[in-house]
Amino acid sequence: MAGRHKVTTNSMRNLIIEHFKDDKSIRTIGKLVKVSHLAVFATIKRCKLRGTVENALKSGAPHKLTPRNRSFIMHKIKKNPRLCAVKLTTELEKRFAIKLNPETVRRVIRSYGYNSRVTRRKFFINERTRKLRLDFAKSMVDKNISFWESVIFVDESKFNIFG
C-alpha cells in the first residue's frame, strides 16, 4: 500500500545532501530538486542522524512461507478443493519441516481469492432409495382433495401446538 507522501529516491536524496554541503538554503534546494522544503529538511535531518540517506531496515518478523510453499498450498487446493487447512498444515510440516498455524494457511488461500464454504449435505440416492421415492410419489398421486386439505407442508420448521 502506498504512503501519503511522495517518495524521494536515493539519488534525489544524495543530490539534496550535495546541495546542502554547498551551503545552499533548504528552500533553494527544494526549488532546484523540485520537492518541498519539508522533504529537504527531513532528508538532511535523517542524514545527520543516521549518517546515510539509505532507507532503514524494516521492522517485523520475516515471512514464514516462501513463494514455493505458497504455490504448494495452492496446487493442493486446486487439486482437492475440499482439503481442510489443518490437514494441509500437517502436510506442509511433514514436507517442508516448518511449524505453521492453520490460520496462516487459510490466509494464503484467501489471498488467492478462494473463500471457505461448508458443503451441502445431500443424501446419496442409489437404486433402492430411488425406487422407494418413486413408489411413495405414485401412492400419493391418486389421493383425494380431502386428504390434501389435512396435510401441512413444512420446510424444516418446528411447530409446538401444545406448549
N, C-alpha and C. Protein backbone atom coordinates (compact mmCIF):
# COMPACT_ATOMS: atom_id res chain seq x y z
N MET A 1 0.84 -1.17 0.00
CA MET A 1 0.00 0.00 0.00
C MET A 1 0.89 1.24 0.00
N ALA A 2 0.61 2.17 -0.82
CA ALA A 2 1.43 3.37 -0.95
C ALA A 2 1.14 4.33 0.20
N GLY A 3 2.18 5.09 0.57
CA GLY A 3 2.03 6.07 1.63
C GLY A 3 1.38 7.34 1.11
N ARG A 4 1.25 8.32 2.00
CA ARG A 4 0.61 9.58 1.64
C ARG A 4 1.56 10.53 0.95
N HIS A 5 2.87 10.34 1.17
CA HIS A 5 3.84 11.31 0.70
C HIS A 5 4.54 10.83 -0.56
N LYS A 6 5.07 11.79 -1.31
CA LYS A 6 5.84 11.48 -2.49
C LYS A 6 7.18 10.87 -2.04
N VAL A 7 7.55 9.77 -2.65
CA VAL A 7 8.75 9.07 -2.25
C VAL A 7 9.95 9.69 -2.96
N THR A 8 10.99 9.98 -2.19
CA THR A 8 12.22 10.50 -2.79
C THR A 8 13.18 9.34 -2.99
N THR A 9 13.81 9.30 -4.15
CA THR A 9 14.75 8.22 -4.45
C THR A 9 16.09 8.51 -3.77
N ASN A 10 16.93 7.47 -3.71
CA ASN A 10 18.25 7.65 -3.10
C ASN A 10 19.09 8.66 -3.86
N SER A 11 18.99 8.65 -5.20
CA SER A 11 19.77 9.62 -5.99
C SER A 11 19.31 11.05 -5.71
N MET A 12 18.00 11.23 -5.51
CA MET A 12 17.48 12.56 -5.20
C MET A 12 17.95 13.00 -3.81
N ARG A 13 17.98 12.06 -2.88
CA ARG A 13 18.45 12.38 -1.53
C ARG A 13 19.94 12.76 -1.55
N ASN A 14 20.71 12.01 -2.33
CA ASN A 14 22.14 12.34 -2.44
C ASN A 14 22.33 13.73 -3.04
N LEU A 15 21.51 14.07 -4.01
CA LEU A 15 21.58 15.40 -4.64
C LEU A 15 21.25 16.50 -3.63
N ILE A 16 20.25 16.24 -2.78
CA ILE A 16 19.88 17.19 -1.72
C ILE A 16 21.06 17.41 -0.77
N ILE A 17 21.71 16.31 -0.39
CA ILE A 17 22.85 16.40 0.54
C ILE A 17 24.01 17.15 -0.11
N GLU A 18 24.26 16.92 -1.39
CA GLU A 18 25.34 17.63 -2.10
C GLU A 18 25.07 19.14 -2.12
N HIS A 19 23.82 19.52 -2.41
CA HIS A 19 23.47 20.94 -2.40
C HIS A 19 23.60 21.53 -1.00
N PHE A 20 23.24 20.74 0.03
CA PHE A 20 23.34 21.21 1.41
C PHE A 20 24.81 21.44 1.80
N LYS A 21 25.68 20.55 1.32
CA LYS A 21 27.12 20.70 1.62
C LYS A 21 27.71 21.92 0.90
N ASP A 22 27.06 22.32 -0.21
CA ASP A 22 27.49 23.54 -0.92
C ASP A 22 26.92 24.81 -0.29
N ASP A 23 26.35 24.69 0.92
CA ASP A 23 25.80 25.81 1.70
C ASP A 23 24.64 26.52 1.01
N LYS A 24 23.77 25.75 0.38
CA LYS A 24 22.55 26.34 -0.19
C LYS A 24 21.44 26.22 0.84
N SER A 25 20.49 27.13 0.80
CA SER A 25 19.39 27.10 1.78
C SER A 25 18.42 25.96 1.45
N ILE A 26 17.63 25.59 2.45
CA ILE A 26 16.69 24.48 2.31
C ILE A 26 15.64 24.79 1.25
N ARG A 27 15.14 26.02 1.24
CA ARG A 27 14.13 26.40 0.24
C ARG A 27 14.71 26.43 -1.17
N THR A 28 15.94 26.87 -1.30
CA THR A 28 16.60 26.88 -2.62
C THR A 28 16.80 25.46 -3.13
N ILE A 29 17.22 24.57 -2.23
CA ILE A 29 17.41 23.15 -2.61
C ILE A 29 16.08 22.55 -3.05
N GLY A 30 15.02 22.88 -2.33
CA GLY A 30 13.68 22.38 -2.67
C GLY A 30 13.26 22.80 -4.06
N LYS A 31 13.56 24.05 -4.42
CA LYS A 31 13.20 24.55 -5.76
C LYS A 31 14.06 23.89 -6.84
N LEU A 32 15.36 23.69 -6.54
CA LEU A 32 16.25 23.06 -7.51
C LEU A 32 15.87 21.59 -7.79
N VAL A 33 15.57 20.86 -6.72
CA VAL A 33 15.29 19.42 -6.84
C VAL A 33 13.80 19.16 -7.11
N LYS A 34 12.98 20.20 -6.95
CA LYS A 34 11.53 20.13 -7.17
C LYS A 34 10.82 19.22 -6.17
N VAL A 35 11.18 19.41 -4.90
CA VAL A 35 10.47 18.78 -3.79
C VAL A 35 10.20 19.86 -2.76
N SER A 36 9.34 19.57 -1.81
CA SER A 36 9.00 20.57 -0.80
C SER A 36 10.19 20.81 0.12
N HIS A 37 10.22 22.00 0.75
CA HIS A 37 11.32 22.31 1.66
C HIS A 37 11.27 21.41 2.89
N LEU A 38 10.06 20.90 3.22
CA LEU A 38 9.94 19.98 4.35
C LEU A 38 10.61 18.65 4.04
N ALA A 39 10.47 18.18 2.80
CA ALA A 39 11.13 16.93 2.40
C ALA A 39 12.65 17.11 2.42
N VAL A 40 13.10 18.28 2.01
CA VAL A 40 14.54 18.57 2.04
C VAL A 40 15.04 18.57 3.49
N PHE A 41 14.29 19.23 4.36
CA PHE A 41 14.65 19.30 5.77
C PHE A 41 14.70 17.90 6.39
N ALA A 42 13.68 17.08 6.09
CA ALA A 42 13.62 15.73 6.64
C ALA A 42 14.79 14.88 6.14
N THR A 43 15.17 15.05 4.87
CA THR A 43 16.28 14.28 4.31
C THR A 43 17.60 14.68 4.98
N ILE A 44 17.79 15.97 5.18
CA ILE A 44 19.02 16.44 5.84
C ILE A 44 19.08 15.96 7.28
N LYS A 45 17.96 16.05 7.97
CA LYS A 45 17.90 15.61 9.37
C LYS A 45 18.20 14.11 9.47
N ARG A 46 17.60 13.32 8.56
CA ARG A 46 17.81 11.87 8.55
C ARG A 46 19.28 11.53 8.29
N CYS A 47 19.90 12.28 7.38
CA CYS A 47 21.30 12.07 7.06
C CYS A 47 22.20 12.39 8.25
N LYS A 48 21.87 13.44 8.99
CA LYS A 48 22.67 13.80 10.16
C LYS A 48 22.54 12.76 11.26
N LEU A 49 21.32 12.21 11.44
CA LEU A 49 21.09 11.22 12.50
C LEU A 49 21.75 9.88 12.17
N ARG A 50 21.51 9.37 10.97
CA ARG A 50 21.97 8.03 10.60
C ARG A 50 23.31 8.02 9.90
N GLY A 51 23.68 9.14 9.30
CA GLY A 51 24.92 9.18 8.56
C GLY A 51 24.79 8.68 7.14
N THR A 52 23.57 8.32 6.72
CA THR A 52 23.33 7.83 5.36
C THR A 52 21.95 8.26 4.91
N VAL A 53 21.72 8.22 3.60
CA VAL A 53 20.40 8.57 3.07
C VAL A 53 19.60 7.33 2.71
N GLU A 54 20.18 6.15 2.91
CA GLU A 54 19.50 4.89 2.57
C GLU A 54 18.31 4.68 3.50
N ASN A 55 17.34 3.89 3.03
CA ASN A 55 16.19 3.55 3.85
C ASN A 55 16.62 2.66 5.01
N ALA A 56 15.96 2.81 6.14
CA ALA A 56 16.25 1.99 7.31
C ALA A 56 15.68 0.59 7.08
N LEU A 57 16.23 -0.37 7.80
CA LEU A 57 15.70 -1.73 7.72
C LEU A 57 14.29 -1.75 8.28
N LYS A 58 13.43 -2.54 7.66
CA LYS A 58 12.04 -2.62 8.09
C LYS A 58 11.93 -3.53 9.30
N SER A 59 11.05 -3.16 10.21
CA SER A 59 10.85 -3.97 11.40
C SER A 59 9.84 -5.08 11.11
N GLY A 60 9.72 -6.00 12.02
CA GLY A 60 8.75 -7.08 11.87
C GLY A 60 9.42 -8.40 11.54
N ALA A 61 8.68 -9.45 11.78
CA ALA A 61 9.21 -10.79 11.53
C ALA A 61 9.21 -11.09 10.04
N PRO A 62 10.15 -11.88 9.58
CA PRO A 62 10.16 -12.26 8.16
C PRO A 62 9.01 -13.24 7.87
N HIS A 63 8.65 -13.36 6.60
CA HIS A 63 7.59 -14.27 6.22
C HIS A 63 8.00 -15.71 6.52
N LYS A 64 7.06 -16.49 7.02
CA LYS A 64 7.35 -17.88 7.32
C LYS A 64 7.27 -18.73 6.06
N LEU A 65 6.39 -18.34 5.15
CA LEU A 65 6.19 -19.12 3.93
C LEU A 65 6.95 -18.50 2.76
N THR A 66 7.63 -19.32 2.03
CA THR A 66 8.31 -18.87 0.82
C THR A 66 7.31 -18.93 -0.33
N PRO A 67 7.62 -18.29 -1.46
CA PRO A 67 6.72 -18.41 -2.62
C PRO A 67 6.50 -19.87 -3.04
N ARG A 68 7.51 -20.71 -2.84
CA ARG A 68 7.37 -22.13 -3.17
C ARG A 68 6.33 -22.79 -2.27
N ASN A 69 6.37 -22.47 -0.97
CA ASN A 69 5.37 -23.01 -0.03
C ASN A 69 3.97 -22.55 -0.41
N ARG A 70 3.84 -21.28 -0.77
CA ARG A 70 2.53 -20.74 -1.15
C ARG A 70 2.00 -21.43 -2.40
N SER A 71 2.87 -21.66 -3.38
CA SER A 71 2.41 -22.33 -4.60
C SER A 71 2.07 -23.78 -4.32
N PHE A 72 2.77 -24.42 -3.37
CA PHE A 72 2.44 -25.79 -2.98
C PHE A 72 1.03 -25.85 -2.38
N ILE A 73 0.72 -24.87 -1.51
CA ILE A 73 -0.62 -24.81 -0.90
C ILE A 73 -1.68 -24.66 -1.98
N MET A 74 -1.47 -23.75 -2.92
CA MET A 74 -2.47 -23.52 -3.96
C MET A 74 -2.59 -24.70 -4.91
N HIS A 75 -1.48 -25.40 -5.16
CA HIS A 75 -1.54 -26.61 -6.00
C HIS A 75 -2.43 -27.66 -5.34
N LYS A 76 -2.24 -27.84 -4.02
CA LYS A 76 -3.05 -28.83 -3.29
C LYS A 76 -4.52 -28.44 -3.27
N ILE A 77 -4.80 -27.14 -3.11
CA ILE A 77 -6.19 -26.68 -3.05
C ILE A 77 -6.86 -26.82 -4.41
N LYS A 78 -6.14 -26.51 -5.49
CA LYS A 78 -6.72 -26.67 -6.83
C LYS A 78 -6.97 -28.13 -7.15
N LYS A 79 -6.09 -28.99 -6.65
CA LYS A 79 -6.23 -30.42 -6.88
C LYS A 79 -7.41 -30.99 -6.09
N ASN A 80 -7.54 -30.55 -4.84
CA ASN A 80 -8.63 -31.03 -3.97
C ASN A 80 -9.19 -29.85 -3.18
N PRO A 81 -10.24 -29.18 -3.70
CA PRO A 81 -10.78 -28.00 -3.01
C PRO A 81 -11.40 -28.30 -1.65
N ARG A 82 -11.69 -29.56 -1.36
CA ARG A 82 -12.30 -29.91 -0.07
C ARG A 82 -11.27 -30.16 1.02
N LEU A 83 -10.00 -30.03 0.71
CA LEU A 83 -8.94 -30.25 1.68
C LEU A 83 -8.98 -29.17 2.75
N CYS A 84 -8.99 -29.59 4.01
CA CYS A 84 -9.10 -28.60 5.10
C CYS A 84 -7.72 -28.05 5.44
N ALA A 85 -7.71 -26.90 6.08
CA ALA A 85 -6.47 -26.20 6.39
C ALA A 85 -5.61 -26.97 7.39
N VAL A 86 -6.25 -27.68 8.31
CA VAL A 86 -5.50 -28.42 9.33
C VAL A 86 -4.70 -29.55 8.68
N LYS A 87 -5.34 -30.29 7.76
CA LYS A 87 -4.63 -31.37 7.07
C LYS A 87 -3.52 -30.82 6.19
N LEU A 88 -3.79 -29.70 5.55
CA LEU A 88 -2.79 -29.06 4.70
C LEU A 88 -1.60 -28.58 5.53
N THR A 89 -1.88 -28.09 6.74
CA THR A 89 -0.81 -27.65 7.64
C THR A 89 0.09 -28.81 8.03
N THR A 90 -0.50 -29.95 8.38
CA THR A 90 0.32 -31.11 8.76
C THR A 90 1.13 -31.61 7.57
N GLU A 91 0.56 -31.54 6.39
CA GLU A 91 1.30 -31.96 5.19
C GLU A 91 2.48 -31.02 4.92
N LEU A 92 2.28 -29.72 5.13
CA LEU A 92 3.38 -28.76 4.98
C LEU A 92 4.48 -29.00 6.01
N GLU A 93 4.07 -29.31 7.23
CA GLU A 93 5.05 -29.58 8.29
C GLU A 93 5.89 -30.80 7.96
N LYS A 94 5.26 -31.84 7.41
CA LYS A 94 5.99 -33.05 7.05
C LYS A 94 6.92 -32.80 5.86
N ARG A 95 6.43 -32.09 4.87
CA ARG A 95 7.18 -31.92 3.62
C ARG A 95 8.30 -30.88 3.72
N PHE A 96 8.00 -29.73 4.35
CA PHE A 96 8.97 -28.64 4.39
C PHE A 96 9.57 -28.40 5.77
N ALA A 97 9.15 -29.13 6.78
CA ALA A 97 9.65 -29.02 8.15
C ALA A 97 9.52 -27.60 8.69
N ILE A 98 8.33 -26.99 8.49
CA ILE A 98 8.05 -25.68 9.07
C ILE A 98 6.79 -25.79 9.93
N LYS A 99 6.86 -25.21 11.10
CA LYS A 99 5.73 -25.23 12.03
C LYS A 99 4.81 -24.07 11.69
N LEU A 100 3.55 -24.38 11.38
CA LEU A 100 2.59 -23.36 10.95
C LEU A 100 1.31 -23.45 11.75
N ASN A 101 0.59 -22.35 11.76
CA ASN A 101 -0.76 -22.32 12.30
C ASN A 101 -1.72 -22.51 11.12
N PRO A 102 -2.80 -23.28 11.28
CA PRO A 102 -3.76 -23.44 10.18
C PRO A 102 -4.32 -22.12 9.66
N GLU A 103 -4.38 -21.09 10.53
CA GLU A 103 -4.89 -19.79 10.09
C GLU A 103 -3.96 -19.15 9.06
N THR A 104 -2.67 -19.44 9.15
CA THR A 104 -1.72 -18.94 8.15
C THR A 104 -2.04 -19.53 6.79
N VAL A 105 -2.35 -20.82 6.77
CA VAL A 105 -2.71 -21.50 5.52
C VAL A 105 -4.01 -20.91 4.98
N ARG A 106 -4.98 -20.67 5.85
CA ARG A 106 -6.26 -20.08 5.42
C ARG A 106 -6.03 -18.68 4.82
N ARG A 107 -5.13 -17.92 5.43
CA ARG A 107 -4.83 -16.57 4.94
C ARG A 107 -4.23 -16.62 3.54
N VAL A 108 -3.36 -17.59 3.29
CA VAL A 108 -2.76 -17.76 1.96
C VAL A 108 -3.85 -18.10 0.94
N ILE A 109 -4.73 -19.02 1.31
CA ILE A 109 -5.80 -19.44 0.40
C ILE A 109 -6.72 -18.27 0.09
N ARG A 110 -7.06 -17.47 1.11
CA ARG A 110 -7.91 -16.29 0.91
C ARG A 110 -7.23 -15.25 0.03
N SER A 111 -5.91 -15.14 0.15
CA SER A 111 -5.19 -14.13 -0.64
C SER A 111 -5.24 -14.46 -2.14
N TYR A 112 -5.48 -15.71 -2.48
CA TYR A 112 -5.60 -16.11 -3.88
C TYR A 112 -7.06 -16.07 -4.36
N GLY A 113 -7.95 -15.53 -3.54
CA GLY A 113 -9.34 -15.34 -3.97
C GLY A 113 -10.27 -16.48 -3.64
N TYR A 114 -9.82 -17.46 -2.90
CA TYR A 114 -10.69 -18.56 -2.51
C TYR A 114 -11.38 -18.22 -1.21
N ASN A 115 -12.63 -18.66 -1.05
CA ASN A 115 -13.38 -18.47 0.18
C ASN A 115 -13.86 -19.81 0.68
N SER A 116 -13.95 -19.95 1.99
CA SER A 116 -14.38 -21.24 2.55
C SER A 116 -15.89 -21.34 2.57
N ARG A 117 -16.37 -22.48 2.22
CA ARG A 117 -17.80 -22.78 2.25
C ARG A 117 -17.99 -24.16 2.86
N VAL A 118 -19.12 -24.36 3.52
CA VAL A 118 -19.47 -25.67 4.04
C VAL A 118 -20.25 -26.40 2.97
N THR A 119 -19.83 -27.63 2.67
CA THR A 119 -20.52 -28.38 1.63
C THR A 119 -21.92 -28.75 2.09
N ARG A 120 -22.85 -28.70 1.17
CA ARG A 120 -24.23 -29.03 1.47
C ARG A 120 -24.35 -30.54 1.67
N ARG A 121 -25.10 -30.93 2.70
CA ARG A 121 -25.30 -32.34 2.99
C ARG A 121 -26.45 -32.85 2.14
N LYS A 122 -26.15 -33.77 1.25
CA LYS A 122 -27.19 -34.38 0.44
C LYS A 122 -27.14 -35.88 0.63
N PHE A 123 -28.29 -36.48 0.65
CA PHE A 123 -28.35 -37.92 0.81
C PHE A 123 -28.01 -38.60 -0.50
N PHE A 124 -27.33 -39.70 -0.40
CA PHE A 124 -26.94 -40.44 -1.57
C PHE A 124 -28.16 -41.20 -2.10
N ILE A 125 -28.44 -41.01 -3.37
CA ILE A 125 -29.60 -41.69 -3.97
C ILE A 125 -29.09 -42.85 -4.81
N ASN A 126 -29.34 -44.05 -4.30
CA ASN A 126 -28.99 -45.23 -5.09
C ASN A 126 -30.26 -45.83 -5.68
N GLU A 127 -30.16 -46.98 -6.30
CA GLU A 127 -31.32 -47.60 -6.97
C GLU A 127 -32.44 -47.91 -5.97
N ARG A 128 -32.09 -48.39 -4.78
CA ARG A 128 -33.11 -48.77 -3.79
C ARG A 128 -33.90 -47.55 -3.32
N THR A 129 -33.17 -46.46 -2.94
CA THR A 129 -33.87 -45.27 -2.45
C THR A 129 -34.62 -44.58 -3.58
N ARG A 130 -34.10 -44.64 -4.81
CA ARG A 130 -34.81 -44.06 -5.95
C ARG A 130 -36.15 -44.78 -6.15
N LYS A 131 -36.16 -46.11 -6.04
CA LYS A 131 -37.39 -46.89 -6.21
C LYS A 131 -38.38 -46.57 -5.08
N LEU A 132 -37.88 -46.48 -3.85
CA LEU A 132 -38.76 -46.14 -2.72
C LEU A 132 -39.41 -44.78 -2.89
N ARG A 133 -38.64 -43.78 -3.35
CA ARG A 133 -39.19 -42.45 -3.58
C ARG A 133 -40.24 -42.46 -4.68
N LEU A 134 -39.98 -43.19 -5.74
CA LEU A 134 -40.92 -43.28 -6.85
C LEU A 134 -42.21 -43.96 -6.41
N ASP A 135 -42.10 -45.04 -5.63
CA ASP A 135 -43.29 -45.72 -5.11
C ASP A 135 -44.11 -44.80 -4.21
N PHE A 136 -43.43 -44.01 -3.36
CA PHE A 136 -44.14 -43.09 -2.48
C PHE A 136 -44.88 -42.03 -3.31
N ALA A 137 -44.20 -41.48 -4.33
CA ALA A 137 -44.83 -40.47 -5.17
C ALA A 137 -46.04 -41.03 -5.90
N LYS A 138 -45.92 -42.25 -6.41
CA LYS A 138 -47.04 -42.88 -7.13
C LYS A 138 -48.21 -43.14 -6.19
N SER A 139 -47.93 -43.48 -4.93
CA SER A 139 -49.01 -43.72 -3.98
C SER A 139 -49.74 -42.43 -3.61
N MET A 140 -49.08 -41.29 -3.70
CA MET A 140 -49.69 -40.02 -3.34
C MET A 140 -50.44 -39.34 -4.49
N VAL A 141 -50.24 -39.81 -5.71
CA VAL A 141 -50.86 -39.18 -6.88
C VAL A 141 -52.37 -39.28 -6.84
N ASP A 142 -52.90 -40.42 -6.45
CA ASP A 142 -54.34 -40.67 -6.52
C ASP A 142 -55.11 -40.29 -5.26
N LYS A 143 -54.52 -39.56 -4.34
CA LYS A 143 -55.22 -39.14 -3.12
C LYS A 143 -56.24 -38.07 -3.46
N ASN A 144 -57.37 -38.08 -2.72
CA ASN A 144 -58.42 -37.09 -2.99
C ASN A 144 -58.13 -35.76 -2.29
N ILE A 145 -58.94 -34.75 -2.57
CA ILE A 145 -58.71 -33.38 -2.08
C ILE A 145 -58.85 -33.30 -0.57
N SER A 146 -59.73 -34.06 0.04
CA SER A 146 -59.90 -34.00 1.50
C SER A 146 -58.62 -34.45 2.22
N PHE A 147 -57.90 -35.39 1.62
CA PHE A 147 -56.63 -35.83 2.22
C PHE A 147 -55.61 -34.68 2.20
N TRP A 148 -55.51 -33.99 1.06
CA TRP A 148 -54.52 -32.93 0.92
C TRP A 148 -54.88 -31.70 1.76
N GLU A 149 -56.17 -31.52 2.11
CA GLU A 149 -56.55 -30.40 2.97
C GLU A 149 -56.11 -30.63 4.42
N SER A 150 -55.85 -31.86 4.79
CA SER A 150 -55.40 -32.16 6.15
C SER A 150 -53.87 -32.23 6.27
N VAL A 151 -53.15 -31.98 5.16
CA VAL A 151 -51.68 -32.06 5.16
C VAL A 151 -51.09 -30.66 5.35
N ILE A 152 -50.09 -30.58 6.21
CA ILE A 152 -49.35 -29.33 6.40
C ILE A 152 -47.97 -29.51 5.79
N PHE A 153 -47.61 -28.63 4.84
CA PHE A 153 -46.29 -28.68 4.23
C PHE A 153 -45.34 -27.82 5.06
N VAL A 154 -44.24 -28.41 5.47
CA VAL A 154 -43.30 -27.74 6.36
C VAL A 154 -41.91 -27.79 5.73
N ASP A 155 -41.21 -26.66 5.85
CA ASP A 155 -39.83 -26.60 5.36
C ASP A 155 -38.89 -26.49 6.56
N GLU A 156 -38.67 -27.60 7.23
CA GLU A 156 -37.77 -27.69 8.38
C GLU A 156 -38.12 -26.69 9.47
N SER A 157 -39.40 -26.44 9.70
CA SER A 157 -39.82 -25.54 10.76
C SER A 157 -40.46 -26.36 11.88
N LYS A 158 -40.21 -25.98 13.11
CA LYS A 158 -40.72 -26.70 14.25
C LYS A 158 -41.98 -25.99 14.77
N PHE A 159 -43.06 -26.75 14.95
CA PHE A 159 -44.31 -26.19 15.47
C PHE A 159 -44.66 -26.90 16.75
N ASN A 160 -44.96 -26.13 17.80
CA ASN A 160 -45.44 -26.69 19.05
C ASN A 160 -46.88 -26.26 19.24
N ILE A 161 -47.79 -27.22 19.12
CA ILE A 161 -49.21 -26.89 19.26
C ILE A 161 -49.61 -26.84 20.73
N PHE A 162 -49.13 -27.81 21.52
CA PHE A 162 -49.49 -27.86 22.94
C PHE A 162 -48.25 -27.61 23.80
N GLY A 163 -47.94 -26.34 24.03
CA GLY A 163 -46.85 -25.97 24.92
C GLY A 163 -45.48 -26.02 24.32
